[in-house]
Amino acid sequence: MKQQLRRRLAYGSNATLVTVMVVLVLVLLYVMADSHRVRWDFSADASNTLQADTESKLSVLDQDGQQVTITAFTHQRGKDDTYFRDRAVRDLLVEIDMASSSVSYRIVDFDKERLTAERLGVTDYGRIVVQRGKDRVDIKDRDLFRRTGKRADHKLNFMGEAALSRAFAQILAPTRRVAYVLQGHGEPAPSDRGPSGLSDLVSALDIERYDVEPLDLLRTDRDGAAPTVPGDATLVIVAGLHGPLAPQEEDVLLGYLGRGGPMLLALDAGAPTPVFLPRLGVRMPDGLAMDKVLIFPYKDRPVPVYKRHPITIALRESKQVTVLVAPAPLRISDPLPVGTRVDPVMVGGRDSWIERGGETDGGTPIYQADIDGEGPTTLAVAVQLLPTGDIVRSSKPTARVLVIGDSEWLTNSLLLEGPGNKDLLINTIHWLAGDDARLGATVGRRTAQRRLALTKKETGRLRAISLFLMPGLVALLGLITWNSRRGR
């Protein structure tokens, strides 16, 4: 009898000990996962991981070393989607905090901590305040969440990462800069919202803290002073000339380059080109840049090949295609002018050539050696004018110029439609302005995110299952085992 009792006690104590150990292990795993937020993203496009452009901007902030503080205020209690909103913001901030050593965050209960809200001047629920030193960017709730669909089919999409990424871009350039667009020769206008306008360019640069202003170099001001490039110009854009530059305009632009001023030259085949272009070490031969590899279904849009350059490194890695329409070919002078460095940025493929007319194959141009120019073609080049040359004065910094044989890629019809057009524009602007650390900070996946939306009630059920139901089942199995062995 005593031996049987000892056996039962041994089996029972073993089962109880195993149950307790399993429960402790489950609790420990839950606490560790909740504390360290370890997770793996198995989605097809890694859509639940920080985007490449966000990580790049965080890297730039870390290199700068100045502390960035994010204060997120909670949403109004009692609404059906409050828990989802607060949890989405919290999850994103945790990811950002883990990815950056210079960014810290705190979540403030708007109802309980009104003094904090008053100190920051916040009067609405769900606002996020990003601060770095004296610089500050506010993100409203309507910029974090967007509703799509109607009635029963409506969905709440979280756009918080895109909003915070824009905020990081703004604090990286706390003072607004100015890009001037030359006008007066039939160029597309920044105020034009039509397909041939540049209003999308204005919006894209606004996110990067640039104001875009027209530049007229033909008219004097009200006081009769000669036209000039304003002193606050960060860069000048010359895009889509339909008429030649006047001699005085050539002189003003050359003087701007002589001061180390950066410039984007987007020129078109068959259109006038600046007289000073050969002095940059670049020429534009007659004809169109053509290739056997085209963007379907167009017959005048060759697929550019990115050369290794700071402007295109991120575009090469993300494999985004820039769409150019009937681009003009470029030639790099040999020898180059003294104090000039020219690097190809985009070229045609191995089978590209300079099309100058002749026979076609079903409307598609074909290469004819006796008429057309040999390839491969060059579509865009980056020029650096050193102070040792005859353009930039010795006391001034190196002037940077990007020359590209197409202007339509900048217009509303293509800037947002071409997969790599906007990123090429932003990277070009950063390179021209000398912001090399920000190159590639906008290139990445789309901003849409997939997220599992759970209510507070559903999350409570999952917690109860993991902490009570599963351990309870293990305990029940232990009791059943103990009871069955008891009868032996």
Protein backbone atom coordinates (compact mmCIF):
# COMPACT_ATOMS: atom_id res chain seq x y z
CA MET A 1 0.00 0.00 0.00
CA LYS A 2 2.76 2.39 0.90
CA GLN A 3 4.67 1.52 -2.28
CA GLN A 4 1.57 2.17 -4.42
CA LEU A 5 1.01 5.52 -2.65
CA ARG A 6 4.63 6.48 -3.24
CA ARG A 7 4.29 5.61 -6.93
CA ARG A 8 1.14 7.73 -7.25
CA LEU A 9 2.76 10.65 -5.46
CA ALA A 10 5.81 10.36 -7.71
CA TYR A 11 3.71 10.32 -10.90
CA GLY A 12 1.49 13.15 -9.67
CA SER A 13 4.39 15.33 -8.56
CA ASN A 14 6.20 14.72 -11.87
CA ALA A 15 3.10 15.68 -13.86
CA THR A 16 2.56 18.77 -11.70
CA LEU A 17 6.21 19.80 -12.02
CA VAL A 18 6.15 19.40 -15.82
CA THR A 19 2.93 21.42 -16.03
CA VAL A 20 4.38 24.21 -13.90
CA MET A 21 7.55 24.25 -15.99
CA VAL A 22 5.60 24.43 -19.26
CA VAL A 23 3.48 27.29 -17.92
CA LEU A 24 6.61 29.16 -16.78
CA VAL A 25 8.29 28.67 -20.17
CA LEU A 26 5.20 29.97 -22.00
CA VAL A 27 4.95 33.01 -19.72
CA LEU A 28 8.67 33.68 -20.13
CA LEU A 29 8.44 33.46 -23.94
CA TYR A 30 5.43 35.80 -23.95
CA VAL A 31 7.18 38.35 -21.74
CA MET A 32 10.35 38.24 -23.84
CA ALA A 33 8.46 38.58 -27.13
CA ASP A 34 6.36 41.43 -25.76
CA SER A 35 9.42 43.23 -24.36
CA HIS A 36 11.83 42.82 -27.27
CA ARG A 37 9.30 42.80 -30.11
CA VAL A 38 11.11 40.07 -32.01
CA ARG A 39 9.29 39.16 -35.19
CA TRP A 40 9.89 37.74 -38.66
CA ASP A 41 8.26 39.13 -41.79
CA PHE A 42 7.28 36.31 -44.16
CA SER A 43 5.09 38.46 -46.47
CA ALA A 44 5.88 38.18 -50.18
CA ASP A 45 7.06 41.79 -50.53
CA ALA A 46 8.31 42.34 -46.97
CA SER A 47 5.52 44.89 -46.58
CA ASN A 48 5.54 44.73 -42.77
CA THR A 49 9.19 45.77 -42.52
CA LEU A 50 10.43 49.35 -42.54
CA GLN A 51 10.81 50.59 -46.07
CA ALA A 52 14.22 51.20 -47.59
CA ASP A 53 13.72 54.97 -47.80
CA THR A 54 12.77 55.14 -44.10
CA GLU A 55 15.80 53.11 -43.08
CA SER A 56 18.02 55.32 -45.24
CA LYS A 57 16.72 58.50 -43.61
CA LEU A 58 17.16 56.98 -40.17
CA SER A 59 20.74 56.14 -41.11
CA VAL A 60 21.34 59.77 -42.10
CA LEU A 61 19.87 60.92 -38.78
CA ASP A 62 22.12 58.49 -36.90
CA GLN A 63 25.18 59.79 -38.72
CA ASP A 64 24.25 63.32 -37.76
CA GLY A 65 24.01 62.20 -34.13
CA GLN A 66 21.47 64.79 -32.96
CA GLN A 67 18.66 63.29 -30.87
CA VAL A 68 15.21 63.05 -32.44
CA THR A 69 12.17 62.79 -30.16
CA ILE A 70 8.79 61.54 -31.35
CA THR A 71 5.78 62.28 -29.13
CA ALA A 72 2.62 60.42 -30.14
CA PHE A 73 -0.72 61.34 -28.57
CA THR A 74 -3.40 58.69 -28.19
CA HIS A 75 -6.73 58.72 -29.98
CA GLN A 76 -10.12 59.43 -28.49
CA ARG A 77 -11.44 56.64 -26.30
CA GLY A 78 -14.70 54.86 -26.94
CA LYS A 79 -14.49 54.66 -30.74
CA ASP A 80 -14.43 51.33 -32.54
CA ASP A 81 -11.12 51.92 -34.28
CA THR A 82 -9.28 53.60 -31.39
CA TYR A 83 -7.40 50.47 -30.37
CA PHE A 84 -6.29 49.75 -33.94
CA ARG A 85 -5.10 53.33 -34.44
CA ASP A 86 -3.10 53.42 -31.21
CA ARG A 87 -1.63 49.95 -31.76
CA ALA A 88 -0.62 50.76 -35.37
CA VAL A 89 1.21 53.89 -34.25
CA ARG A 90 2.86 52.07 -31.34
CA ASP A 91 4.06 49.19 -33.53
CA LEU A 92 5.57 51.59 -36.06
CA LEU A 93 7.35 53.62 -33.39
CA VAL A 94 8.78 50.45 -31.85
CA GLU A 95 10.19 49.43 -35.24
CA ILE A 96 11.70 52.87 -35.78
CA ASP A 97 13.16 52.89 -32.29
CA MET A 98 14.79 49.51 -32.90
CA ALA A 99 16.20 50.66 -36.26
CA SER A 100 17.73 53.91 -35.02
CA SER A 101 20.07 54.91 -32.21
CA SER A 102 19.18 58.62 -32.42
CA VAL A 103 15.37 58.35 -32.44
CA SER A 104 13.37 57.89 -29.24
CA TYR A 105 9.62 57.97 -28.74
CA ARG A 106 6.98 58.27 -26.08
CA ILE A 107 3.24 57.73 -26.20
CA VAL A 108 1.17 60.27 -24.30
CA ASP A 109 -2.41 59.70 -23.15
CA PHE A 110 -4.12 62.82 -24.45
CA ASP A 111 -6.90 62.64 -21.84
CA LYS A 112 -4.65 62.07 -18.81
CA GLU A 113 -1.59 64.15 -19.68
CA ARG A 114 -3.09 67.45 -20.77
CA LEU A 115 -0.12 69.40 -19.42
CA THR A 116 2.17 67.70 -21.94
CA ALA A 117 -0.31 68.49 -24.71
CA GLU A 118 -0.53 72.11 -23.64
CA ARG A 119 3.25 72.44 -23.44
CA LEU A 120 3.55 71.21 -27.02
CA GLY A 121 0.52 73.19 -28.19
CA VAL A 122 -1.40 70.05 -29.20
CA THR A 123 -5.19 70.37 -29.15
CA ASP A 124 -6.33 67.29 -31.09
CA TYR A 125 -6.25 63.52 -30.64
CA GLY A 126 -3.81 61.30 -32.52
CA ARG A 127 -1.20 63.93 -33.37
CA ILE A 128 2.49 63.03 -33.66
CA VAL A 129 5.17 65.62 -32.93
CA VAL A 130 8.68 65.04 -34.32
CA GLN A 131 11.40 67.24 -32.78
CA ARG A 132 15.11 67.64 -33.37
CA GLY A 133 16.64 70.56 -31.55
CA LYS A 134 14.61 73.62 -32.48
CA ASP A 135 13.13 71.96 -35.55
CA ARG A 136 9.65 70.49 -35.30
CA VAL A 137 7.20 68.73 -37.62
CA ASP A 138 3.57 67.98 -36.67
CA ILE A 139 1.68 65.07 -38.23
CA LYS A 140 -2.09 65.14 -37.92
CA ASP A 141 -4.28 62.07 -37.59
CA ARG A 142 -5.75 62.56 -41.07
CA ASP A 143 -2.24 62.15 -42.51
CA LEU A 144 -1.77 58.85 -40.66
CA PHE A 145 -4.96 57.03 -41.62
CA ARG A 146 -7.05 56.95 -44.78
CA ARG A 147 -10.46 55.36 -45.23
CA THR A 148 -11.18 53.51 -48.45
CA GLY A 149 -14.41 51.92 -49.64
CA LYS A 150 -17.94 52.71 -48.61
CA ARG A 151 -20.23 51.56 -45.79
CA ALA A 152 -19.70 47.89 -44.94
CA ASP A 153 -16.71 47.61 -47.29
CA HIS A 154 -14.78 50.55 -45.88
CA LYS A 155 -11.25 49.93 -44.65
CA LEU A 156 -8.90 51.97 -42.51
CA ASN A 157 -5.41 52.10 -44.03
CA PHE A 158 -2.42 53.11 -41.95
CA MET A 159 -0.10 55.50 -43.81
CA GLY A 160 2.01 56.40 -40.81
CA GLU A 161 5.37 55.27 -42.14
CA ALA A 162 5.07 57.47 -45.23
CA ALA A 163 4.06 60.42 -43.05
CA LEU A 164 6.98 59.92 -40.65
CA SER A 165 9.36 59.46 -43.57
CA ARG A 166 8.27 62.86 -44.91
CA ALA A 167 8.79 64.34 -41.44
CA PHE A 168 12.33 62.95 -41.32
CA ALA A 169 13.03 64.51 -44.73
CA GLN A 170 11.81 67.87 -43.44
CA ILE A 171 13.94 67.87 -40.31
CA LEU A 172 16.96 66.79 -42.35
CA ALA A 173 16.52 70.05 -44.27
CA PRO A 174 15.03 72.39 -41.64
CA THR A 175 15.37 75.52 -43.80
CA ARG A 176 13.50 75.67 -47.07
CA ARG A 177 15.54 76.06 -50.21
CA VAL A 178 14.63 77.38 -53.63
CA ALA A 179 14.85 75.73 -57.05
CA TYR A 180 14.35 78.11 -59.99
CA VAL A 181 12.85 76.91 -63.28
CA LEU A 182 13.82 78.90 -66.36
CA GLN A 183 10.85 80.34 -68.28
CA GLY A 184 10.32 82.37 -71.44
CA HIS A 185 11.19 79.82 -74.14
CA GLY A 186 8.07 77.64 -74.19
CA GLU A 187 9.21 75.52 -71.23
CA PRO A 188 6.71 73.67 -69.02
CA ALA A 189 5.52 75.85 -66.14
CA PRO A 190 5.61 74.96 -62.42
CA SER A 191 2.05 76.27 -62.01
CA ASP A 192 0.64 74.17 -64.89
CA ARG A 193 -1.41 71.21 -63.63
CA GLY A 194 -1.93 69.78 -67.11
CA PRO A 195 -0.06 66.78 -68.54
CA SER A 196 2.78 68.99 -69.83
CA GLY A 197 3.08 71.02 -66.61
CA LEU A 198 5.42 70.69 -63.64
CA SER A 199 2.98 70.85 -60.73
CA ASP A 200 3.86 67.27 -59.70
CA LEU A 201 7.52 68.28 -59.64
CA VAL A 202 6.59 71.15 -57.32
CA SER A 203 4.77 68.75 -54.98
CA ALA A 204 7.66 66.25 -54.99
CA LEU A 205 10.21 68.93 -54.13
CA ASP A 206 7.94 70.46 -51.49
CA ILE A 207 8.28 67.25 -49.46
CA GLU A 208 12.06 67.70 -49.68
CA ARG A 209 11.70 71.27 -48.36
CA TYR A 210 12.19 73.03 -51.70
CA ASP A 211 10.19 75.93 -53.06
CA VAL A 212 9.99 76.02 -56.86
CA GLU A 213 9.94 79.47 -58.47
CA PRO A 214 9.93 80.61 -62.12
CA LEU A 215 13.06 82.33 -63.41
CA ASP A 216 12.88 84.99 -66.14
CA LEU A 217 16.25 86.15 -67.43
CA LEU A 218 14.88 88.35 -70.21
CA ARG A 219 13.18 91.09 -68.19
CA THR A 220 14.58 93.70 -65.87
CA ASP A 221 13.02 94.14 -62.44
CA ARG A 222 10.86 97.15 -61.48
CA ASP A 223 13.93 99.20 -60.67
CA GLY A 224 15.44 98.50 -64.09
CA ALA A 225 18.17 96.19 -62.76
CA ALA A 226 19.58 93.55 -65.11
CA PRO A 227 18.14 90.03 -64.72
CA THR A 228 20.20 87.58 -62.70
CA VAL A 229 19.89 84.28 -60.86
CA PRO A 230 18.74 85.19 -57.32
CA GLY A 231 21.23 84.75 -54.52
CA ASP A 232 18.93 82.29 -52.67
CA ALA A 233 18.96 79.82 -55.58
CA THR A 234 19.98 76.30 -54.53
CA LEU A 235 19.80 75.14 -58.14
CA VAL A 236 18.47 76.13 -61.56
CA ILE A 237 16.38 73.83 -63.77
CA VAL A 238 16.44 74.36 -67.53
CA ALA A 239 13.90 71.94 -69.01
CA GLY A 240 12.19 71.75 -72.40
CA LEU A 241 13.60 74.69 -74.34
CA HIS A 242 11.52 75.46 -77.43
CA GLY A 243 13.52 78.51 -78.36
CA PRO A 244 17.20 79.49 -78.15
CA LEU A 245 18.65 81.28 -75.16
CA ALA A 246 19.45 84.94 -75.71
CA PRO A 247 23.15 85.89 -75.42
CA GLN A 248 22.50 87.74 -72.16
CA GLU A 249 20.79 84.64 -70.73
CA GLU A 250 23.79 82.52 -71.69
CA ASP A 251 26.04 84.98 -69.87
CA VAL A 252 23.87 84.98 -66.73
CA LEU A 253 23.73 81.16 -66.58
CA LEU A 254 27.48 80.91 -67.18
CA GLY A 255 28.04 83.41 -64.39
CA TYR A 256 25.83 81.30 -62.11
CA LEU A 257 27.91 78.20 -62.94
CA GLY A 258 31.05 80.26 -62.32
CA ARG A 259 29.86 80.82 -58.75
CA GLY A 260 29.58 77.06 -58.26
CA GLY A 261 25.82 76.99 -58.84
CA PRO A 262 24.29 73.57 -59.67
CA MET A 263 22.06 73.12 -62.71
CA LEU A 264 19.75 70.51 -64.24
CA LEU A 265 19.66 70.61 -68.05
CA ALA A 266 16.79 68.54 -69.49
CA LEU A 267 17.06 68.98 -73.25
CA ASP A 268 15.06 67.53 -76.14
CA ALA A 269 16.07 66.09 -79.49
CA GLY A 270 15.78 68.65 -82.28
CA ALA A 271 15.28 71.53 -79.82
CA PRO A 272 17.74 74.38 -79.17
CA THR A 273 20.57 73.72 -76.72
CA PRO A 274 22.61 76.20 -74.69
CA VAL A 275 25.62 77.51 -76.58
CA PHE A 276 27.80 76.79 -73.53
CA LEU A 277 26.96 73.05 -73.58
CA PRO A 278 30.23 72.04 -75.33
CA ARG A 279 32.14 73.95 -72.64
CA LEU A 280 30.69 71.40 -70.18
CA GLY A 281 32.29 68.58 -72.15
CA VAL A 282 28.94 67.44 -73.60
CA ARG A 283 27.59 67.49 -77.15
CA MET A 284 24.21 66.52 -78.58
CA PRO A 285 24.43 64.84 -82.00
CA ASP A 286 21.44 64.84 -84.36
CA GLY A 287 18.93 62.00 -84.08
CA LEU A 288 17.10 60.00 -81.42
CA ALA A 289 18.49 57.47 -78.99
CA MET A 290 16.95 54.14 -79.97
CA ASP A 291 17.25 50.59 -78.71
CA LYS A 292 15.88 47.14 -79.44
CA VAL A 293 14.67 46.90 -75.83
CA LEU A 294 11.68 49.25 -75.53
CA ILE A 295 9.01 50.03 -72.96
CA PHE A 296 5.90 48.23 -74.21
CA PRO A 297 3.90 49.25 -76.23
CA TYR A 298 5.84 52.40 -77.19
CA LYS A 299 8.32 52.52 -80.06
CA ASP A 300 10.20 55.64 -78.95
CA ARG A 301 10.93 54.79 -75.30
CA PRO A 302 14.18 52.83 -74.88
CA VAL A 303 14.82 51.24 -71.50
CA PRO A 304 17.74 53.10 -69.89
CA VAL A 305 20.62 51.25 -68.28
CA TYR A 306 21.91 52.81 -65.04
CA LYS A 307 25.63 53.36 -64.76
CA ARG A 308 27.27 53.26 -61.34
CA HIS A 309 26.92 56.78 -59.99
CA PRO A 310 25.73 58.20 -56.64
CA ILE A 311 22.49 59.30 -58.35
CA THR A 312 21.64 55.83 -59.60
CA ILE A 313 23.03 53.39 -57.00
CA ALA A 314 19.71 53.03 -55.17
CA LEU A 315 17.78 52.89 -58.46
CA ARG A 316 20.00 50.05 -59.63
CA GLU A 317 19.43 48.13 -56.40
CA SER A 318 15.66 48.61 -56.45
CA LYS A 319 15.53 47.84 -60.23
CA GLN A 320 13.23 50.74 -60.99
CA VAL A 321 12.87 51.82 -64.62
CA THR A 322 13.06 55.47 -65.65
CA VAL A 323 10.78 56.32 -68.57
CA LEU A 324 12.18 58.70 -71.21
CA VAL A 325 10.30 59.74 -74.35
CA ALA A 326 12.24 59.98 -77.63
CA PRO A 327 15.45 60.90 -75.78
CA ALA A 328 18.26 62.77 -77.48
CA PRO A 329 21.69 61.09 -77.52
CA LEU A 330 24.62 62.75 -75.79
CA ARG A 331 28.33 62.58 -76.55
CA ILE A 332 31.12 63.15 -74.04
CA SER A 333 33.86 65.31 -75.53
CA ASP A 334 37.31 63.81 -76.00
CA PRO A 335 39.42 65.40 -74.76
CA LEU A 336 37.42 67.07 -72.01
CA PRO A 337 37.81 70.77 -71.27
CA VAL A 338 40.34 71.53 -68.53
CA GLY A 339 38.87 71.19 -65.04
CA THR A 340 35.86 69.18 -66.22
CA ARG A 341 34.77 65.71 -65.18
CA VAL A 342 31.91 63.97 -66.99
CA ASP A 343 30.43 60.63 -65.88
CA PRO A 344 27.64 58.74 -67.67
CA VAL A 345 24.53 58.27 -65.53
CA MET A 346 22.16 56.50 -67.93
CA VAL A 347 23.00 54.81 -71.23
CA GLY A 348 21.30 52.67 -73.83
CA GLY A 349 21.74 48.93 -74.11
CA ARG A 350 24.41 47.15 -76.15
CA ASP A 351 22.10 47.18 -79.18
CA SER A 352 21.24 50.87 -78.96
CA TRP A 353 21.99 53.35 -81.75
CA ILE A 354 21.29 56.91 -82.92
CA GLU A 355 18.23 56.84 -85.17
CA ARG A 356 18.27 59.35 -88.05
CA GLY A 357 15.41 58.11 -90.20
CA GLY A 358 15.25 55.60 -93.02
CA GLU A 359 13.34 52.34 -93.26
CA THR A 360 11.25 50.85 -90.46
CA ASP A 361 10.02 47.37 -89.64
CA GLY A 362 6.27 47.61 -89.11
CA GLY A 363 6.67 51.16 -87.83
CA THR A 364 9.57 50.24 -85.53
CA PRO A 365 12.89 51.93 -86.38
CA ILE A 366 15.77 49.66 -87.36
CA TYR A 367 19.48 50.32 -87.43
CA GLN A 368 20.96 51.25 -90.83
CA ALA A 369 24.72 51.68 -90.78
CA ASP A 370 24.80 54.13 -93.71
CA ILE A 371 22.33 56.54 -92.07
CA ASP A 372 22.22 55.99 -88.33
CA GLY A 373 24.88 56.61 -85.69
CA GLU A 374 26.63 53.82 -83.86
CA GLY A 375 25.84 52.98 -80.28
CA PRO A 376 25.75 52.39 -77.45
CA THR A 377 24.08 55.69 -76.70
CA THR A 378 24.46 57.96 -73.69
CA LEU A 379 21.21 59.35 -72.26
CA ALA A 380 22.32 61.32 -69.19
CA VAL A 381 25.65 62.54 -67.82
CA ALA A 382 26.80 64.12 -64.57
CA VAL A 383 29.24 67.01 -65.00
CA GLN A 384 31.54 68.44 -62.35
CA LEU A 385 33.16 71.79 -63.13
CA LEU A 386 36.25 72.20 -60.96
CA PRO A 387 37.63 75.58 -59.88
CA THR A 388 40.78 74.70 -61.89
CA GLY A 389 38.83 75.09 -65.16
CA ASP A 390 37.82 78.13 -67.19
CA ILE A 391 34.20 78.37 -65.94
CA VAL A 392 34.22 78.15 -62.13
CA ARG A 393 36.24 80.80 -60.36
CA SER A 394 39.09 79.57 -58.18
CA SER A 395 37.49 80.75 -54.94
CA LYS A 396 34.19 78.99 -55.59
CA PRO A 397 33.07 75.38 -55.00
CA THR A 398 32.78 72.75 -57.71
CA ALA A 399 29.68 73.26 -59.85
CA ARG A 400 27.54 70.18 -60.52
CA VAL A 401 25.40 69.79 -63.65
CA LEU A 402 23.18 66.93 -64.80
CA VAL A 403 22.50 66.84 -68.55
CA ILE A 404 19.74 64.51 -69.75
CA GLY A 405 18.39 64.17 -73.28
CA ASP A 406 14.69 64.43 -72.42
CA SER A 407 12.46 66.89 -70.57
CA GLU A 408 9.15 65.02 -70.68
CA TRP A 409 10.20 62.71 -67.83
CA LEU A 410 9.82 65.71 -65.49
CA THR A 411 6.27 66.59 -66.55
CA ASN A 412 3.01 65.58 -64.90
CA SER A 413 2.37 63.00 -67.61
CA LEU A 414 5.38 60.89 -66.58
CA LEU A 415 6.92 62.01 -63.30
CA LEU A 416 4.61 59.86 -61.16
CA GLU A 417 3.83 57.28 -63.86
CA GLY A 418 7.40 56.25 -64.60
CA PRO A 419 8.44 53.84 -61.81
CA GLY A 420 11.84 55.47 -61.33
CA ASN A 421 11.19 59.02 -62.56
CA LYS A 422 10.40 60.63 -59.23
CA ASP A 423 13.27 58.89 -57.45
CA LEU A 424 15.66 59.93 -60.22
CA LEU A 425 14.47 63.53 -59.82
CA ILE A 426 14.89 63.58 -56.02
CA ASN A 427 18.30 61.89 -56.16
CA THR A 428 19.39 64.33 -58.85
CA ILE A 429 18.29 67.29 -56.73
CA HIS A 430 20.18 65.94 -53.69
CA TRP A 431 23.33 65.31 -55.74
CA LEU A 432 23.24 68.74 -57.37
CA ALA A 433 22.74 70.43 -53.99
CA GLY A 434 25.61 68.45 -52.45
CA ASP A 435 23.36 66.42 -50.12
CA ASP A 436 25.19 63.19 -50.90
CA ALA A 437 24.20 61.65 -47.55
CA ARG A 438 20.53 61.77 -48.59
CA LEU A 439 21.00 60.01 -51.92
CA GLY A 440 18.68 57.00 -52.07
CA ALA A 441 16.65 58.15 -49.05
CA THR A 442 13.49 58.18 -51.15
CA VAL A 443 13.96 55.00 -53.11
CA GLY A 444 12.09 51.97 -51.85
CA ARG A 445 8.86 50.08 -51.91
CA ARG A 446 5.46 51.64 -52.20
CA THR A 447 4.00 53.23 -49.11
CA ALA A 448 1.01 50.92 -48.76
CA GLN A 449 1.22 48.51 -45.84
CA ARG A 450 -0.55 45.32 -44.97
CA ARG A 451 -1.39 45.06 -41.30
CA LEU A 452 -3.39 42.60 -39.22
CA ALA A 453 -6.06 44.76 -37.58
CA LEU A 454 -7.27 43.31 -34.26
CA THR A 455 -9.69 44.86 -31.82
CA LYS A 456 -8.86 45.09 -28.13
CA LYS A 457 -11.32 42.30 -27.45
CA GLU A 458 -9.70 40.00 -30.00
CA THR A 459 -6.24 40.73 -28.62
CA GLY A 460 -7.51 39.90 -25.13
CA ARG A 461 -8.78 36.57 -26.40
CA LEU A 462 -5.39 35.72 -27.91
CA ARG A 463 -3.68 36.64 -24.65
CA ALA A 464 -6.13 34.48 -22.66
CA ILE A 465 -5.56 31.55 -25.01
CA SER A 466 -1.77 31.78 -24.75
CA LEU A 467 -1.61 32.38 -20.98
CA PHE A 468 -4.56 30.35 -19.65
CA LEU A 469 -6.17 28.01 -22.16
CA MET A 470 -2.99 26.39 -23.49
CA PRO A 471 -1.40 25.95 -20.03
CA GLY A 472 -4.79 24.75 -18.76
CA LEU A 473 -4.89 22.07 -21.44
CA VAL A 474 -1.39 20.95 -20.48
CA ALA A 475 -2.45 20.80 -16.83
CA LEU A 476 -5.56 18.84 -17.75
CA LEU A 477 -3.49 16.34 -19.71
CA GLY A 478 -1.21 16.01 -16.70
CA LEU A 479 -4.17 15.27 -14.41
CA ILE A 480 -5.59 12.74 -16.84
CA THR A 481 -2.20 11.02 -17.06
CA TRP A 482 -1.84 11.05 -13.29
CA ASN A 483 -5.36 9.65 -12.81
CA SER A 484 -4.88 6.89 -15.40
CA ARG A 485 -1.62 5.79 -13.77
CA ARG A 486 -3.29 5.91 -10.42
CA GLY A 487 -5.54 3.01 -11.32
CA ARG A 488 -2.69 0.74 -12.32
